[in-house]
């Protein structure tokens, strides 16, 4: 028989994390440039290659110069060889436009399989890449998560979506 379990001497503290985001009932409530970016994300859906999930995701990114970049999810029969739209957009930016900071990124999704009733959030891998690129460019990125015909969620800075993001500055060796 085991002795009773004792918690004597264990010190525990409880913490709470709060995130801040703004919820809009409609894209029509946004500033003109943000509304336009959400509509550009819908255009990006057209290039989605999603024959397996039938879940299309489109991204439009506005750079500091005003340039708009588009990206979409790209699936592959050899799962998980595809990429989410957010990482396609961020890697394209990093390879071609890294000297022109990202100001705002709009993400939307669509499927014929069921109705989307709220904005779709980015996956953890995409959020971690977004964190890296915010660090690389030295400023936060505004995110617009857009449910077509419905709500838009807006937040600035990756920590609103990924409060325990991974960073280890000693890996940088600088």
N, C-alpha and C. Protein backbone atom coordinates (compact mmCIF):
# COMPACT_ATOMS: atom_id res chain seq x y z
N UNK A 1 0.83 -1.17 0.00
CA UNK A 1 0.00 0.00 0.00
C UNK A 1 0.88 1.24 0.00
N UNK A 2 0.53 2.20 -0.82
CA UNK A 2 1.28 3.44 -0.93
C UNK A 2 0.85 4.43 0.16
N UNK A 3 1.80 5.25 0.62
CA UNK A 3 1.42 6.27 1.61
C UNK A 3 0.54 7.33 0.95
N UNK A 4 -0.23 8.04 1.76
CA UNK A 4 -1.07 9.11 1.18
C UNK A 4 -0.22 10.15 0.48
N UNK A 5 -0.76 10.69 -0.61
CA UNK A 5 -0.05 11.71 -1.38
C UNK A 5 -0.08 13.03 -0.63
N UNK A 6 1.04 13.70 -0.53
CA UNK A 6 1.11 14.95 0.22
C UNK A 6 1.57 16.09 -0.68
N UNK A 7 0.94 17.25 -0.56
CA UNK A 7 1.32 18.44 -1.32
C UNK A 7 1.99 19.47 -0.43
N UNK A 8 2.44 19.06 0.74
CA UNK A 8 3.10 19.98 1.66
C UNK A 8 4.39 20.48 1.01
N UNK A 9 4.57 21.78 1.03
CA UNK A 9 5.78 22.37 0.48
C UNK A 9 5.69 22.74 -0.99
N UNK A 10 4.63 22.36 -1.67
CA UNK A 10 4.49 22.71 -3.09
C UNK A 10 3.85 24.09 -3.16
N UNK A 11 4.53 24.95 -3.87
CA UNK A 11 4.01 26.32 -4.03
C UNK A 11 3.47 26.46 -5.46
N UNK A 12 2.27 26.90 -5.55
CA UNK A 12 1.63 27.03 -6.86
C UNK A 12 1.10 28.45 -7.00
N UNK A 13 1.24 29.00 -8.19
CA UNK A 13 0.63 30.29 -8.49
C UNK A 13 -0.23 30.13 -9.74
N UNK A 14 -1.32 30.81 -9.73
CA UNK A 14 -2.22 30.76 -10.87
C UNK A 14 -2.06 32.04 -11.67
N UNK A 15 -2.04 31.91 -13.00
CA UNK A 15 -1.90 33.05 -13.90
C UNK A 15 -3.06 33.05 -14.88
N UNK A 16 -3.36 34.19 -15.40
CA UNK A 16 -4.43 34.32 -16.38
C UNK A 16 -3.89 35.11 -17.56
N UNK A 17 -4.23 34.66 -18.75
CA UNK A 17 -3.85 35.35 -19.98
C UNK A 17 -5.11 35.91 -20.61
N UNK A 18 -5.04 37.17 -20.97
CA UNK A 18 -6.16 37.80 -21.66
C UNK A 18 -5.67 38.25 -23.03
N UNK A 19 -6.52 38.11 -24.00
CA UNK A 19 -6.18 38.61 -25.33
C UNK A 19 -7.16 39.72 -25.68
N UNK A 20 -6.71 40.60 -26.54
CA UNK A 20 -7.55 41.69 -26.99
C UNK A 20 -7.75 41.59 -28.49
N UNK A 21 -8.99 41.65 -28.90
CA UNK A 21 -9.29 41.75 -30.31
C UNK A 21 -10.60 42.51 -30.44
N UNK A 22 -10.81 43.06 -31.63
CA UNK A 22 -12.03 43.79 -31.91
C UNK A 22 -12.88 42.94 -32.84
N UNK A 23 -14.14 42.79 -32.51
CA UNK A 23 -15.06 42.02 -33.34
C UNK A 23 -16.01 42.99 -34.04
N UNK A 24 -16.11 42.84 -35.34
CA UNK A 24 -17.05 43.61 -36.15
C UNK A 24 -18.11 42.65 -36.67
N UNK A 25 -19.33 43.11 -36.77
CA UNK A 25 -20.41 42.27 -37.28
C UNK A 25 -20.31 42.05 -38.79
N UNK A 26 -19.65 42.99 -39.47
CA UNK A 26 -19.61 42.94 -40.93
C UNK A 26 -18.35 43.64 -41.43
N UNK A 27 -17.91 43.24 -42.59
CA UNK A 27 -16.78 43.88 -43.24
C UNK A 27 -17.08 45.35 -43.54
N UNK A 28 -18.36 45.68 -43.65
CA UNK A 28 -18.76 47.06 -43.93
C UNK A 28 -18.44 48.02 -42.79
N UNK A 29 -18.18 47.51 -41.60
CA UNK A 29 -17.84 48.35 -40.45
C UNK A 29 -16.35 48.74 -40.42
N UNK A 30 -15.55 48.14 -41.29
CA UNK A 30 -14.11 48.40 -41.30
C UNK A 30 -13.77 49.69 -42.02
N UNK A 31 -12.57 50.20 -41.75
CA UNK A 31 -12.04 51.31 -42.54
C UNK A 31 -11.91 50.83 -43.98
N UNK A 32 -11.95 51.76 -44.91
CA UNK A 32 -11.97 51.43 -46.33
C UNK A 32 -10.81 50.52 -46.73
N UNK A 33 -9.60 50.84 -46.29
CA UNK A 33 -8.45 50.04 -46.72
C UNK A 33 -8.49 48.62 -46.14
N UNK A 34 -9.03 48.44 -44.94
CA UNK A 34 -9.15 47.11 -44.36
C UNK A 34 -10.26 46.31 -45.04
N UNK A 35 -11.37 46.98 -45.36
CA UNK A 35 -12.44 46.31 -46.10
C UNK A 35 -11.92 45.83 -47.45
N UNK A 36 -11.18 46.69 -48.13
CA UNK A 36 -10.61 46.31 -49.43
C UNK A 36 -9.70 45.10 -49.29
N UNK A 37 -8.90 45.07 -48.22
CA UNK A 37 -7.98 43.95 -48.03
C UNK A 37 -8.75 42.64 -47.81
N UNK A 38 -9.84 42.69 -47.04
CA UNK A 38 -10.66 41.49 -46.84
C UNK A 38 -11.24 41.00 -48.16
N UNK A 39 -11.68 41.93 -49.00
CA UNK A 39 -12.22 41.55 -50.31
C UNK A 39 -11.12 40.99 -51.22
N UNK A 40 -9.89 41.49 -51.07
CA UNK A 40 -8.75 40.94 -51.81
C UNK A 40 -8.46 39.51 -51.36
N UNK A 41 -8.66 39.22 -50.08
CA UNK A 41 -8.46 37.85 -49.58
C UNK A 41 -9.45 36.88 -50.24
N UNK A 42 -10.66 37.37 -50.51
CA UNK A 42 -11.64 36.53 -51.24
C UNK A 42 -11.11 36.22 -52.63
N UNK A 43 -10.52 37.21 -53.29
CA UNK A 43 -9.94 36.99 -54.62
C UNK A 43 -8.84 35.93 -54.57
N UNK A 44 -8.07 35.93 -53.49
CA UNK A 44 -6.97 34.97 -53.35
C UNK A 44 -7.48 33.53 -53.26
N UNK A 45 -8.73 33.34 -52.83
CA UNK A 45 -9.31 31.99 -52.76
C UNK A 45 -9.29 31.29 -54.11
N UNK A 46 -9.34 32.07 -55.18
CA UNK A 46 -9.42 31.50 -56.53
C UNK A 46 -8.19 30.66 -56.89
N UNK A 47 -7.06 30.92 -56.24
CA UNK A 47 -5.84 30.18 -56.57
C UNK A 47 -5.58 29.03 -55.60
N UNK A 48 -6.51 28.79 -54.68
CA UNK A 48 -6.36 27.69 -53.74
C UNK A 48 -6.32 26.35 -54.47
N UNK A 49 -5.39 25.51 -54.07
CA UNK A 49 -5.36 24.13 -54.57
C UNK A 49 -5.73 23.25 -53.37
N UNK A 50 -7.01 22.93 -53.26
CA UNK A 50 -7.51 22.20 -52.09
C UNK A 50 -8.48 21.09 -52.50
N UNK A 51 -8.04 20.18 -53.40
CA UNK A 51 -8.96 19.14 -53.87
C UNK A 51 -9.26 18.08 -52.81
N UNK A 52 -8.47 17.99 -51.76
CA UNK A 52 -8.66 16.94 -50.76
C UNK A 52 -9.55 17.41 -49.61
N UNK A 53 -9.26 18.56 -49.05
CA UNK A 53 -10.07 19.08 -47.94
C UNK A 53 -11.28 19.86 -48.44
N UNK A 54 -11.19 20.38 -49.66
CA UNK A 54 -12.21 21.28 -50.21
C UNK A 54 -12.43 22.50 -49.32
N UNK A 55 -11.40 22.86 -48.56
CA UNK A 55 -11.42 24.00 -47.64
C UNK A 55 -10.42 25.01 -48.16
N UNK A 56 -10.92 26.06 -48.81
CA UNK A 56 -10.06 27.06 -49.44
C UNK A 56 -9.79 28.20 -48.46
N UNK A 57 -8.55 28.62 -48.42
CA UNK A 57 -8.14 29.74 -47.58
C UNK A 57 -7.40 30.74 -48.46
N UNK A 58 -7.75 32.01 -48.29
CA UNK A 58 -7.10 33.08 -49.05
C UNK A 58 -6.55 34.13 -48.11
N UNK A 59 -5.42 34.69 -48.50
CA UNK A 59 -4.75 35.74 -47.72
C UNK A 59 -4.43 36.90 -48.64
N UNK A 60 -4.63 38.10 -48.12
CA UNK A 60 -4.14 39.31 -48.78
C UNK A 60 -3.34 40.08 -47.74
N UNK A 61 -2.14 40.49 -48.11
CA UNK A 61 -1.26 41.25 -47.21
C UNK A 61 -0.99 42.61 -47.79
N UNK A 62 -1.16 43.64 -46.96
CA UNK A 62 -0.82 45.00 -47.38
C UNK A 62 0.54 45.34 -46.78
N UNK A 63 1.45 45.73 -47.65
CA UNK A 63 2.78 46.12 -47.21
C UNK A 63 2.83 47.62 -46.95
N UNK A 64 3.86 48.05 -46.29
CA UNK A 64 4.00 49.48 -45.96
C UNK A 64 3.94 50.36 -47.20
N UNK A 65 4.46 49.86 -48.32
CA UNK A 65 4.45 50.63 -49.57
C UNK A 65 3.05 50.74 -50.18
N UNK A 66 2.09 49.95 -49.66
CA UNK A 66 0.76 49.91 -50.23
C UNK A 66 0.54 48.71 -51.14
N UNK A 67 1.62 48.03 -51.50
CA UNK A 67 1.52 46.84 -52.36
C UNK A 67 0.71 45.77 -51.65
N UNK A 68 -0.13 45.06 -52.43
CA UNK A 68 -0.95 43.97 -51.91
C UNK A 68 -0.40 42.65 -52.46
N UNK A 69 -0.12 41.70 -51.57
CA UNK A 69 0.29 40.36 -51.96
C UNK A 69 -0.86 39.39 -51.70
N UNK A 70 -1.00 38.39 -52.56
CA UNK A 70 -2.06 37.39 -52.42
C UNK A 70 -1.43 36.01 -52.25
N UNK A 71 -2.12 35.16 -51.51
CA UNK A 71 -1.68 33.77 -51.36
C UNK A 71 -2.88 32.91 -51.01
N UNK A 72 -2.72 31.61 -51.21
CA UNK A 72 -3.80 30.67 -50.89
C UNK A 72 -3.18 29.35 -50.44
N UNK A 73 -4.00 28.52 -49.81
CA UNK A 73 -3.49 27.22 -49.37
C UNK A 73 -3.22 26.33 -50.58
N UNK A 74 -2.20 25.49 -50.44
CA UNK A 74 -1.77 24.61 -51.50
C UNK A 74 -1.61 23.20 -50.93
N UNK A 75 -2.55 22.32 -51.25
CA UNK A 75 -2.53 20.96 -50.73
C UNK A 75 -1.73 20.04 -51.65
N UNK A 76 -1.42 18.87 -51.12
CA UNK A 76 -0.68 17.86 -51.87
C UNK A 76 -1.19 16.49 -51.45
N UNK A 77 -1.28 15.58 -52.40
CA UNK A 77 -1.75 14.24 -52.10
C UNK A 77 -0.85 13.56 -51.05
N UNK A 78 0.41 13.94 -51.00
CA UNK A 78 1.33 13.41 -50.00
C UNK A 78 1.27 14.30 -48.76
N UNK A 79 0.13 14.21 -48.06
CA UNK A 79 -0.07 15.00 -46.86
C UNK A 79 1.05 14.68 -45.87
N UNK A 80 1.69 15.60 -45.24
CA UNK A 80 1.43 17.02 -45.08
C UNK A 80 2.33 17.91 -45.93
N UNK A 81 2.55 17.56 -47.17
CA UNK A 81 3.46 18.32 -48.02
C UNK A 81 2.92 19.67 -48.48
N UNK A 82 1.65 19.92 -48.29
CA UNK A 82 1.07 21.21 -48.67
C UNK A 82 1.41 22.30 -47.67
N UNK A 83 0.90 23.49 -47.93
CA UNK A 83 1.13 24.63 -47.03
C UNK A 83 -0.15 25.44 -46.88
N UNK A 84 -0.32 25.97 -45.70
CA UNK A 84 -1.42 26.88 -45.42
C UNK A 84 -1.20 28.20 -46.16
N UNK A 85 -2.28 28.91 -46.41
CA UNK A 85 -2.21 30.19 -47.13
C UNK A 85 -1.33 31.20 -46.40
N UNK A 86 -1.42 31.23 -45.07
CA UNK A 86 -0.65 32.21 -44.32
C UNK A 86 0.85 32.01 -44.50
N UNK A 87 1.31 30.75 -44.45
CA UNK A 87 2.74 30.50 -44.64
C UNK A 87 3.17 30.74 -46.08
N UNK A 88 2.31 30.41 -47.04
CA UNK A 88 2.62 30.72 -48.44
C UNK A 88 2.86 32.23 -48.57
N UNK A 89 1.97 33.03 -47.98
CA UNK A 89 2.08 34.49 -48.06
C UNK A 89 3.34 34.98 -47.35
N UNK A 90 3.58 34.50 -46.15
CA UNK A 90 4.73 34.97 -45.38
C UNK A 90 6.06 34.57 -46.02
N UNK A 91 6.15 33.35 -46.52
CA UNK A 91 7.40 32.92 -47.16
C UNK A 91 7.64 33.68 -48.46
N UNK A 92 6.57 33.95 -49.20
CA UNK A 92 6.71 34.76 -50.42
C UNK A 92 7.21 36.16 -50.05
N UNK A 93 6.61 36.76 -49.01
CA UNK A 93 7.06 38.07 -48.56
C UNK A 93 8.54 38.02 -48.16
N UNK A 94 8.91 37.04 -47.35
CA UNK A 94 10.29 36.94 -46.87
C UNK A 94 11.30 36.78 -48.00
N UNK A 95 10.91 36.07 -49.06
CA UNK A 95 11.82 35.83 -50.18
C UNK A 95 11.86 36.98 -51.17
N UNK A 96 10.80 37.80 -51.22
CA UNK A 96 10.72 38.80 -52.28
C UNK A 96 10.50 40.24 -51.84
N UNK A 97 10.05 40.45 -50.60
CA UNK A 97 9.66 41.81 -50.20
C UNK A 97 10.08 42.15 -48.77
N UNK A 98 11.08 41.50 -48.23
CA UNK A 98 11.44 41.65 -46.82
C UNK A 98 11.82 43.08 -46.43
N UNK A 99 12.14 43.90 -47.40
CA UNK A 99 12.49 45.30 -47.11
C UNK A 99 11.26 46.21 -47.08
N UNK A 100 10.08 45.64 -47.26
CA UNK A 100 8.82 46.38 -47.29
C UNK A 100 7.91 45.76 -46.22
N UNK A 101 7.92 46.28 -44.99
CA UNK A 101 7.22 45.63 -43.87
C UNK A 101 5.74 45.36 -44.13
N UNK A 102 5.28 44.25 -43.55
CA UNK A 102 3.86 43.88 -43.61
C UNK A 102 3.12 44.73 -42.59
N UNK A 103 2.08 45.42 -43.04
CA UNK A 103 1.24 46.19 -42.12
C UNK A 103 0.03 45.37 -41.66
N UNK A 104 -0.70 44.80 -42.63
CA UNK A 104 -1.95 44.11 -42.31
C UNK A 104 -2.08 42.86 -43.17
N UNK A 105 -2.64 41.83 -42.56
CA UNK A 105 -2.86 40.56 -43.23
C UNK A 105 -4.32 40.16 -43.03
N UNK A 106 -5.06 39.96 -44.12
CA UNK A 106 -6.46 39.53 -44.06
C UNK A 106 -6.54 38.06 -44.47
N UNK A 107 -7.28 37.28 -43.69
CA UNK A 107 -7.43 35.85 -43.95
C UNK A 107 -8.92 35.52 -44.02
N UNK A 108 -9.30 34.77 -45.05
CA UNK A 108 -10.68 34.30 -45.16
C UNK A 108 -10.66 32.86 -45.65
N UNK A 109 -11.78 32.20 -45.51
CA UNK A 109 -11.89 30.80 -45.93
C UNK A 109 -13.27 30.55 -46.51
N UNK A 110 -13.36 29.45 -47.28
CA UNK A 110 -14.65 29.06 -47.85
C UNK A 110 -14.62 27.56 -48.12
N UNK A 111 -15.75 26.93 -47.93
CA UNK A 111 -15.95 25.55 -48.33
C UNK A 111 -17.38 25.37 -48.79
N UNK A 112 -17.58 24.49 -49.75
CA UNK A 112 -18.94 24.16 -50.19
C UNK A 112 -19.52 23.05 -49.32
N UNK A 113 -18.72 22.49 -48.43
CA UNK A 113 -19.12 21.34 -47.62
C UNK A 113 -20.02 21.72 -46.44
N UNK A 114 -19.85 22.94 -45.91
CA UNK A 114 -20.66 23.40 -44.78
C UNK A 114 -20.54 24.92 -44.71
N UNK A 115 -21.40 25.53 -43.89
CA UNK A 115 -21.40 26.98 -43.75
C UNK A 115 -20.42 27.41 -42.67
N UNK A 116 -19.56 28.37 -42.98
CA UNK A 116 -18.68 28.97 -41.98
C UNK A 116 -19.47 30.10 -41.32
N UNK A 117 -19.56 30.06 -40.00
CA UNK A 117 -20.37 31.04 -39.28
C UNK A 117 -19.55 32.00 -38.44
N UNK A 118 -18.23 31.81 -38.42
CA UNK A 118 -17.35 32.72 -37.71
C UNK A 118 -16.00 32.72 -38.42
N UNK A 119 -15.17 33.72 -38.14
CA UNK A 119 -13.85 33.74 -38.78
C UNK A 119 -13.04 32.49 -38.44
N UNK A 120 -12.21 32.10 -39.38
CA UNK A 120 -11.32 30.95 -39.20
C UNK A 120 -9.98 31.48 -38.71
N UNK A 121 -9.47 30.89 -37.65
CA UNK A 121 -8.18 31.31 -37.10
C UNK A 121 -7.05 30.53 -37.76
N UNK A 122 -5.88 31.12 -37.75
CA UNK A 122 -4.70 30.48 -38.31
C UNK A 122 -4.23 29.35 -37.39
N UNK A 123 -3.61 28.33 -37.97
CA UNK A 123 -3.11 27.21 -37.17
C UNK A 123 -1.86 27.63 -36.39
N UNK A 124 -1.47 26.82 -35.44
CA UNK A 124 -0.31 27.13 -34.60
C UNK A 124 0.97 27.29 -35.38
N UNK A 125 1.20 26.45 -36.40
CA UNK A 125 2.42 26.56 -37.21
C UNK A 125 2.47 27.91 -37.93
N UNK A 126 1.34 28.33 -38.47
CA UNK A 126 1.29 29.63 -39.16
C UNK A 126 1.51 30.77 -38.18
N UNK A 127 0.93 30.65 -36.99
CA UNK A 127 1.11 31.70 -35.99
C UNK A 127 2.57 31.80 -35.56
N UNK A 128 3.26 30.68 -35.43
CA UNK A 128 4.67 30.71 -35.06
C UNK A 128 5.51 31.34 -36.16
N UNK A 129 5.20 31.05 -37.41
CA UNK A 129 5.90 31.70 -38.53
C UNK A 129 5.61 33.19 -38.53
N UNK A 130 4.37 33.56 -38.28
CA UNK A 130 4.01 34.97 -38.19
C UNK A 130 4.82 35.66 -37.09
N UNK A 131 5.00 34.99 -35.97
CA UNK A 131 5.81 35.54 -34.88
C UNK A 131 7.24 35.80 -35.33
N UNK A 132 7.79 34.86 -36.07
CA UNK A 132 9.16 35.01 -36.58
C UNK A 132 9.28 36.22 -37.51
N UNK A 133 8.28 36.39 -38.37
CA UNK A 133 8.33 37.49 -39.33
C UNK A 133 8.05 38.84 -38.67
N UNK A 134 7.23 38.86 -37.63
CA UNK A 134 7.09 40.10 -36.86
C UNK A 134 8.43 40.48 -36.24
N UNK A 135 9.11 39.50 -35.69
CA UNK A 135 10.43 39.76 -35.09
C UNK A 135 11.42 40.22 -36.17
N UNK A 136 11.39 39.56 -37.32
CA UNK A 136 12.29 39.90 -38.42
C UNK A 136 12.09 41.34 -38.89
N UNK A 137 10.84 41.77 -38.99
CA UNK A 137 10.59 43.13 -39.50
C UNK A 137 10.58 44.17 -38.39
N UNK A 138 10.56 43.72 -37.14
CA UNK A 138 10.67 44.65 -36.01
C UNK A 138 9.40 45.40 -35.66
N UNK A 139 8.25 44.93 -36.16
CA UNK A 139 6.99 45.57 -35.78
C UNK A 139 5.84 44.58 -35.92
N UNK A 140 4.79 44.84 -35.16
CA UNK A 140 3.61 43.97 -35.14
C UNK A 140 2.83 44.06 -36.45
N UNK A 141 2.11 42.98 -36.73
CA UNK A 141 1.27 42.89 -37.92
C UNK A 141 -0.19 42.87 -37.47
N UNK A 142 -1.01 43.66 -38.11
CA UNK A 142 -2.45 43.65 -37.85
C UNK A 142 -3.05 42.48 -38.61
N UNK A 143 -3.87 41.70 -37.91
CA UNK A 143 -4.54 40.55 -38.52
C UNK A 143 -6.03 40.82 -38.61
N UNK A 144 -6.61 40.53 -39.76
CA UNK A 144 -8.05 40.60 -39.98
C UNK A 144 -8.52 39.19 -40.34
N UNK A 145 -9.29 38.57 -39.48
CA UNK A 145 -9.86 37.26 -39.77
C UNK A 145 -11.30 37.50 -40.19
N UNK A 146 -11.62 37.13 -41.42
CA UNK A 146 -12.88 37.54 -42.06
C UNK A 146 -13.74 36.33 -42.41
N UNK A 147 -14.95 36.30 -41.88
CA UNK A 147 -15.95 35.31 -42.26
C UNK A 147 -16.85 35.96 -43.30
N UNK A 148 -16.78 35.49 -44.52
CA UNK A 148 -17.56 36.12 -45.58
C UNK A 148 -19.04 36.15 -45.23
N UNK A 149 -19.62 37.32 -45.38
CA UNK A 149 -21.02 37.51 -45.04
C UNK A 149 -21.27 37.59 -43.54
N UNK A 150 -20.18 37.70 -42.78
CA UNK A 150 -20.33 37.72 -41.32
C UNK A 150 -19.26 38.56 -40.66
N UNK A 151 -18.81 38.09 -39.52
CA UNK A 151 -17.93 38.84 -38.63
C UNK A 151 -16.50 38.97 -39.15
N UNK A 152 -15.84 39.98 -38.62
CA UNK A 152 -14.40 40.18 -38.82
C UNK A 152 -13.81 40.35 -37.43
N UNK A 153 -12.72 39.62 -37.16
CA UNK A 153 -11.99 39.79 -35.91
C UNK A 153 -10.67 40.46 -36.24
N UNK A 154 -10.33 41.48 -35.49
CA UNK A 154 -9.11 42.25 -35.75
C UNK A 154 -8.26 42.32 -34.49
N UNK A 155 -6.96 42.08 -34.66
CA UNK A 155 -6.01 42.20 -33.55
C UNK A 155 -4.65 42.56 -34.13
N UNK A 156 -3.87 43.28 -33.37
CA UNK A 156 -2.53 43.64 -33.81
C UNK A 156 -1.52 42.96 -32.91
N UNK A 157 -0.60 42.25 -33.52
CA UNK A 157 0.45 41.55 -32.79
C UNK A 157 0.13 40.09 -32.57
N UNK A 158 1.08 39.26 -32.84
CA UNK A 158 0.89 37.81 -32.78
C UNK A 158 0.53 37.32 -31.38
N UNK A 159 0.97 38.02 -30.34
CA UNK A 159 0.69 37.55 -28.98
C UNK A 159 -0.80 37.54 -28.67
N UNK A 160 -1.61 38.25 -29.46
CA UNK A 160 -3.06 38.17 -29.29
C UNK A 160 -3.59 36.80 -29.68
N UNK A 161 -2.89 36.10 -30.57
CA UNK A 161 -3.34 34.80 -31.04
C UNK A 161 -2.50 33.65 -30.48
N UNK A 162 -1.26 33.94 -30.13
CA UNK A 162 -0.33 32.90 -29.67
C UNK A 162 0.45 33.42 -28.46
N UNK A 163 -0.20 33.45 -27.30
CA UNK A 163 0.44 34.07 -26.13
C UNK A 163 1.70 33.34 -25.65
N UNK A 164 1.82 32.07 -25.94
CA UNK A 164 3.02 31.32 -25.53
C UNK A 164 3.89 31.01 -26.75
N UNK A 165 4.09 32.00 -27.61
CA UNK A 165 4.92 31.78 -28.79
C UNK A 165 6.33 31.39 -28.36
N UNK A 166 7.01 30.66 -29.22
CA UNK A 166 8.35 30.18 -28.92
C UNK A 166 9.39 31.16 -29.45
N UNK A 167 10.21 31.68 -28.55
CA UNK A 167 11.39 32.46 -28.92
C UNK A 167 12.49 32.12 -27.95
N UNK A 168 13.65 31.92 -28.46
CA UNK A 168 14.83 31.71 -27.64
C UNK A 168 15.94 32.55 -28.25
N UNK A 169 16.16 33.72 -27.67
CA UNK A 169 17.11 34.68 -28.23
C UNK A 169 18.54 34.14 -28.28
N UNK A 170 18.88 33.18 -27.41
CA UNK A 170 20.23 32.62 -27.44
C UNK A 170 20.50 31.82 -28.70
N UNK A 171 19.44 31.40 -29.41
CA UNK A 171 19.63 30.69 -30.67
C UNK A 171 20.11 31.63 -31.78
N UNK A 172 19.92 32.92 -31.59
CA UNK A 172 20.27 33.92 -32.57
C UNK A 172 21.78 34.14 -32.67
N UNK A 173 22.52 33.86 -31.60
CA UNK A 173 23.98 34.02 -31.56
C UNK A 173 24.46 35.41 -31.95
N UNK A 174 23.70 36.42 -31.58
CA UNK A 174 24.13 37.79 -31.92
C UNK A 174 24.51 38.54 -30.69
